[in-house]
Amino acid sequence: MAIEIERKFLLNNESWRQGVEGVLFRQGYLCTDPERTVRVRLEGEQGKLTVKGRSIGISRTEFEYDLPKDQAQEMLDTLCLRPLIEKTRYRIEVAGQLWEIDEFLGENSGLVLAEIELSSVDEAFERPDWLGREVSDDPRYFNSNLVKNPLACWITDL
């Protein structure tokens, strides 16, 4: 069984943007049940199918499989809940650890989140100066919830 341990943060400035290029992500959900989510994603030209279990703190089970681009596109166009999540993902290494910064588009425009995957819940990591408030335990910021309740419906101040 694969376990994902992830912490998620808002950003407090844009200094992370220096010299990074992003990849467009389009993703949709076949299931957004709190006990399990099933996601289809296009990462640039690569399709993925991901099944995740219930979050327990910052951990949850995760299984991910490659999909042919045309199959992922068909699922996104015909089967996934609306709206789709569209975002640009940037990858930045800080002190030997990979940060993924997602800049959301569409109905979640204005939201920018940084995530770091850890090997244990107590793993230490360096906090870059652009890192803001942690939202790991706030379900409003889960991608699966941003489909049902986009940012524009609930946020008044980032």
C-alpha atoms as a PDB file:
ATOM      1  CA  MET A   1       0.000   0.000   0.000  1.00  0.00           C
ATOM      2  CA  ALA A   2       1.314   3.468  -0.928  1.00  0.00           C
ATOM      3  CA  ILE A   3       1.039   6.255   1.649  1.00  0.00           C
ATOM      4  CA  GLU A   4       1.065   9.936   0.750  1.00  0.00           C
ATOM      5  CA  ILE A   5       2.237  12.312   3.482  1.00  0.00           C
ATOM      6  CA  GLU A   6       1.736  15.872   2.329  1.00  0.00           C
ATOM      7  CA  ARG A   7       1.721  19.338   3.875  1.00  0.00           C
ATOM      8  CA  LYS A   8       0.034  22.236   2.121  1.00  0.00           C
ATOM      9  CA  PHE A   9       0.590  25.977   2.548  1.00  0.00           C
ATOM     10  CA  LEU A  10      -0.617  29.308   1.232  1.00  0.00           C
ATOM     11  CA  LEU A  11       2.130  31.612  -0.040  1.00  0.00           C
ATOM     12  CA  ASN A  12       2.965  35.006   1.395  1.00  0.00           C
ATOM     13  CA  ASN A  13       4.921  36.430  -1.557  1.00  0.00           C
ATOM     14  CA  GLU A  14       5.933  35.669  -5.148  1.00  0.00           C
ATOM     15  CA  SER A  15       9.699  35.372  -4.776  1.00  0.00           C
ATOM     16  CA  TRP A  16       9.380  31.655  -5.711  1.00  0.00           C
ATOM     17  CA  ARG A  17       8.601  32.648  -9.336  1.00  0.00           C
ATOM     18  CA  GLN A  18      12.202  33.504 -10.229  1.00  0.00           C
ATOM     19  CA  GLY A  19      13.414  31.296 -13.070  1.00  0.00           C
ATOM     20  CA  VAL A  20      10.759  28.557 -12.881  1.00  0.00           C
ATOM     21  CA  GLU A  21       8.588  27.195 -15.663  1.00  0.00           C
ATOM     22  CA  GLY A  22       5.311  25.471 -15.051  1.00  0.00           C
ATOM     23  CA  VAL A  23       3.312  22.642 -16.598  1.00  0.00           C
ATOM     24  CA  LEU A  24      -0.426  22.917 -17.247  1.00  0.00           C
ATOM     25  CA  PHE A  25      -2.536  20.402 -15.326  1.00  0.00           C
ATOM     26  CA  ARG A  26      -6.185  19.575 -16.060  1.00  0.00           C
ATOM     27  CA  GLN A  27      -7.834  17.267 -13.598  1.00  0.00           C
ATOM     28  CA  GLY A  28     -11.282  16.016 -12.810  1.00  0.00           C
ATOM     29  CA  TYR A  29     -12.901  13.738 -10.293  1.00  0.00           C
ATOM     30  CA  LEU A  30     -14.947  10.604 -10.849  1.00  0.00           C
ATOM     31  CA  CYS A  31     -15.579  10.334  -7.092  1.00  0.00           C
ATOM     32  CA  THR A  32     -15.179  12.923  -4.311  1.00  0.00           C
ATOM     33  CA  ASP A  33     -16.463  10.860  -1.397  1.00  0.00           C
ATOM     34  CA  PRO A  34     -14.556  11.709   1.821  1.00  0.00           C
ATOM     35  CA  GLU A  35     -13.648   8.014   2.170  1.00  0.00           C
ATOM     36  CA  ARG A  36     -12.104   7.866  -1.315  1.00  0.00           C
ATOM     37  CA  THR A  37     -11.394  10.080  -4.290  1.00  0.00           C
ATOM     38  CA  VAL A  38     -10.789   8.984  -7.854  1.00  0.00           C
ATOM     39  CA  ARG A  39      -9.025  11.548 -10.031  1.00  0.00           C
ATOM     40  CA  VAL A  40      -8.143  11.736 -13.720  1.00  0.00           C
ATOM     41  CA  ARG A  41      -5.358  14.122 -14.650  1.00  0.00           C
ATOM     42  CA  LEU A  42      -3.462  15.397 -17.652  1.00  0.00           C
ATOM     43  CA  GLU A  43      -0.008  16.631 -16.627  1.00  0.00           C
ATOM     44  CA  GLY A  44       1.030  18.320 -19.837  1.00  0.00           C
ATOM     45  CA  GLU A  45       0.843  15.356 -22.231  1.00  0.00           C
ATOM     46  CA  GLN A  46       0.822  12.565 -19.593  1.00  0.00           C
ATOM     47  CA  GLY A  47      -2.421  11.020 -18.326  1.00  0.00           C
ATOM     48  CA  LYS A  48      -2.803   9.701 -14.773  1.00  0.00           C
ATOM     49  CA  LEU A  49      -5.508   7.913 -12.788  1.00  0.00           C
ATOM     50  CA  THR A  50      -5.200   8.330  -9.015  1.00  0.00           C
ATOM     51  CA  VAL A  51      -7.181   6.710  -6.215  1.00  0.00           C
ATOM     52  CA  LYS A  52      -6.795   8.169  -2.717  1.00  0.00           C
ATOM     53  CA  GLY A  53      -8.206   7.068   0.629  1.00  0.00           C
ATOM     54  CA  ARG A  54      -9.503   9.130   3.542  1.00  0.00           C
ATOM     55  CA  SER A  55      -7.072  11.686   4.948  1.00  0.00           C
ATOM     56  CA  ILE A  56      -5.894  10.965   8.473  1.00  0.00           C
ATOM     57  CA  GLY A  57      -4.018  14.071   9.512  1.00  0.00           C
ATOM     58  CA  ILE A  58      -1.551  14.670   6.677  1.00  0.00           C
ATOM     59  CA  SER A  59      -1.477  11.020   5.531  1.00  0.00           C
ATOM     60  CA  ARG A  60      -3.632   8.907   3.219  1.00  0.00           C
ATOM     61  CA  THR A  61      -3.347   5.925   0.941  1.00  0.00           C
ATOM     62  CA  GLU A  62      -2.625   6.696  -2.703  1.00  0.00           C
ATOM     63  CA  PHE A  63      -2.441   4.578  -5.848  1.00  0.00           C
ATOM     64  CA  GLU A  64      -1.460   6.164  -9.174  1.00  0.00           C
ATOM     65  CA  TYR A  65      -1.451   4.715 -12.694  1.00  0.00           C
ATOM     66  CA  ASP A  66      -0.381   6.038 -16.087  1.00  0.00           C
ATOM     67  CA  LEU A  67      -3.128   6.513 -18.670  1.00  0.00           C
ATOM     68  CA  PRO A  68      -2.796   7.145 -22.399  1.00  0.00           C
ATOM     69  CA  LYS A  69      -3.389  10.852 -23.105  1.00  0.00           C
ATOM     70  CA  ASP A  70      -6.445  10.187 -25.294  1.00  0.00           C
ATOM     71  CA  GLN A  71      -8.143   8.082 -22.596  1.00  0.00           C
ATOM     72  CA  ALA A  72      -7.452  10.687 -19.907  1.00  0.00           C
ATOM     73  CA  GLN A  73      -8.808  13.414 -22.209  1.00  0.00           C
ATOM     74  CA  GLU A  74     -11.970  11.393 -22.944  1.00  0.00           C
ATOM     75  CA  MET A  75     -12.614  10.844 -19.219  1.00  0.00           C
ATOM     76  CA  LEU A  76     -12.047  14.541 -18.466  1.00  0.00           C
ATOM     77  CA  ASP A  77     -14.419  15.559 -21.268  1.00  0.00           C
ATOM     78  CA  THR A  78     -17.225  13.069 -20.603  1.00  0.00           C
ATOM     79  CA  LEU A  79     -17.107  11.500 -17.124  1.00  0.00           C
ATOM     80  CA  CYS A  80     -15.613  13.916 -14.602  1.00  0.00           C
ATOM     81  CA  LEU A  81     -17.531  16.201 -12.271  1.00  0.00           C
ATOM     82  CA  ARG A  82     -17.570  19.885 -13.129  1.00  0.00           C
ATOM     83  CA  PRO A  83     -15.830  22.217 -12.906  1.00  0.00           C
ATOM     84  CA  LEU A  84     -12.505  20.667 -13.807  1.00  0.00           C
ATOM     85  CA  ILE A  85      -9.488  21.792 -11.825  1.00  0.00           C
ATOM     86  CA  GLU A  86      -7.043  23.663 -14.034  1.00  0.00           C
ATOM     87  CA  LYS A  87      -3.727  24.839 -12.689  1.00  0.00           C
ATOM     88  CA  THR A  88      -0.114  25.451 -13.548  1.00  0.00           C
ATOM     89  CA  ARG A  89       2.322  23.434 -11.467  1.00  0.00           C
ATOM     90  CA  TYR A  90       5.826  24.634 -10.714  1.00  0.00           C
ATOM     91  CA  ARG A  91       8.482  22.409  -9.126  1.00  0.00           C
ATOM     92  CA  ILE A  92      11.140  24.005  -6.936  1.00  0.00           C
ATOM     93  CA  GLU A  93      13.872  22.308  -4.932  1.00  0.00           C
ATOM     94  CA  VAL A  94      14.687  23.827  -1.544  1.00  0.00           C
ATOM     95  CA  ALA A  95      17.410  22.311   0.654  1.00  0.00           C
ATOM     96  CA  GLY A  96      17.189  19.003  -1.222  1.00  0.00           C
ATOM     97  CA  GLN A  97      13.399  18.700  -0.961  1.00  0.00           C
ATOM     98  CA  LEU A  98      10.873  19.157  -3.755  1.00  0.00           C
ATOM     99  CA  TRP A  99       8.115  21.732  -3.433  1.00  0.00           C
ATOM    100  CA  GLU A 100       5.194  21.774  -5.867  1.00  0.00           C
ATOM    101  CA  ILE A 101       3.472  25.117  -6.277  1.00  0.00           C
ATOM    102  CA  ASP A 102       0.035  25.101  -7.876  1.00  0.00           C
ATOM    103  CA  GLU A 103      -1.362  28.289  -9.358  1.00  0.00           C
ATOM    104  CA  PHE A 104      -5.054  27.652  -9.962  1.00  0.00           C
ATOM    105  CA  LEU A 105      -6.970  28.875 -12.994  1.00  0.00           C
ATOM    106  CA  GLY A 106     -10.649  29.098 -13.912  1.00  0.00           C
ATOM    107  CA  GLU A 107     -13.128  29.070 -11.037  1.00  0.00           C
ATOM    108  CA  ASN A 108     -10.270  28.791  -8.520  1.00  0.00           C
ATOM    109  CA  SER A 109      -8.218  31.619 -10.003  1.00  0.00           C
ATOM    110  CA  GLY A 110      -6.269  33.536  -7.372  1.00  0.00           C
ATOM    111  CA  LEU A 111      -5.424  30.487  -5.291  1.00  0.00           C
ATOM    112  CA  VAL A 112      -1.742  29.537  -5.095  1.00  0.00           C
ATOM    113  CA  LEU A 113      -0.705  26.615  -2.882  1.00  0.00           C
ATOM    114  CA  ALA A 114       2.659  25.040  -2.076  1.00  0.00           C
ATOM    115  CA  GLU A 115       2.872  21.340  -1.203  1.00  0.00           C
ATOM    116  CA  ILE A 116       5.678  19.180   0.050  1.00  0.00           C
ATOM    117  CA  GLU A 117       5.559  15.389   0.233  1.00  0.00           C
ATOM    118  CA  LEU A 118       7.365  13.886   3.193  1.00  0.00           C
ATOM    119  CA  SER A 119       8.571  10.407   4.055  1.00  0.00           C
ATOM    120  CA  SER A 120       7.189  10.618   7.618  1.00  0.00           C
ATOM    121  CA  VAL A 121       4.740  12.864   9.455  1.00  0.00           C
ATOM    122  CA  ASP A 122       7.515  14.298  11.618  1.00  0.00           C
ATOM    123  CA  GLU A 123      10.099  14.827   8.854  1.00  0.00           C
ATOM    124  CA  ALA A 124      11.802  18.211   9.159  1.00  0.00           C
ATOM    125  CA  PHE A 125      11.947  20.604   6.201  1.00  0.00           C
ATOM    126  CA  GLU A 126      13.241  24.070   5.521  1.00  0.00           C
ATOM    127  CA  ARG A 127      10.527  26.732   5.329  1.00  0.00           C
ATOM    128  CA  PRO A 128      11.248  29.008   2.348  1.00  0.00           C
ATOM    129  CA  ASP A 129      10.597  32.733   2.870  1.00  0.00           C
ATOM    130  CA  TRP A 130       7.637  32.586   0.457  1.00  0.00           C
ATOM    131  CA  LEU A 131       5.802  30.032   2.588  1.00  0.00           C
ATOM    132  CA  GLY A 132       2.706  31.316   4.380  1.00  0.00           C
ATOM    133  CA  ARG A 133      -0.007  29.799   6.557  1.00  0.00           C
ATOM    134  CA  GLU A 134      -0.387  26.015   6.647  1.00  0.00           C
ATOM    135  CA  VAL A 135      -3.731  24.685   5.361  1.00  0.00           C
ATOM    136  CA  SER A 136      -2.978  20.930   5.412  1.00  0.00           C
ATOM    137  CA  ASP A 137      -5.939  20.238   7.710  1.00  0.00           C
ATOM    138  CA  ASP A 138      -8.382  22.623   6.031  1.00  0.00           C
ATOM    139  CA  PRO A 139     -10.569  20.561   3.666  1.00  0.00           C
ATOM    140  CA  ARG A 140     -11.606  23.676   1.721  1.00  0.00           C
ATOM    141  CA  TYR A 141      -8.175  23.545   0.070  1.00  0.00           C
ATOM    142  CA  PHE A 142      -8.406  19.885  -1.032  1.00  0.00           C
ATOM    143  CA  ASN A 143      -8.599  19.759  -4.827  1.00  0.00           C
ATOM    144  CA  SER A 144     -11.563  17.390  -4.604  1.00  0.00           C
ATOM    145  CA  ASN A 145     -13.462  20.011  -2.583  1.00  0.00           C
ATOM    146  CA  LEU A 146     -12.482  22.849  -4.920  1.00  0.00           C
ATOM    147  CA  VAL A 147     -14.554  21.063  -7.578  1.00  0.00           C
ATOM    148  CA  LYS A 148     -17.690  21.129  -5.400  1.00  0.00           C
ATOM    149  CA  ASN A 149     -17.008  24.487  -3.791  1.00  0.00           C
ATOM    150  CA  PRO A 150     -14.683  26.658  -5.915  1.00  0.00           C
ATOM    151  CA  LEU A 151     -12.636  29.376  -4.265  1.00  0.00           C
ATOM    152  CA  ALA A 152     -14.814  32.223  -5.556  1.00  0.00           C
ATOM    153  CA  CYS A 153     -17.763  30.830  -3.551  1.00  0.00           C
ATOM    154  CA  TRP A 154     -16.140  31.096  -0.126  1.00  0.00           C
ATOM    155  CA  ILE A 155     -12.982  33.156   0.031  1.00  0.00           C
ATOM    156  CA  THR A 156     -12.981  36.847   0.805  1.00  0.00           C
ATOM    157  CA  ASP A 157      -9.294  37.438   1.481  1.00  0.00           C
ATOM    158  CA  LEU A 158      -6.239  35.335   0.631  1.00  0.00           C
END
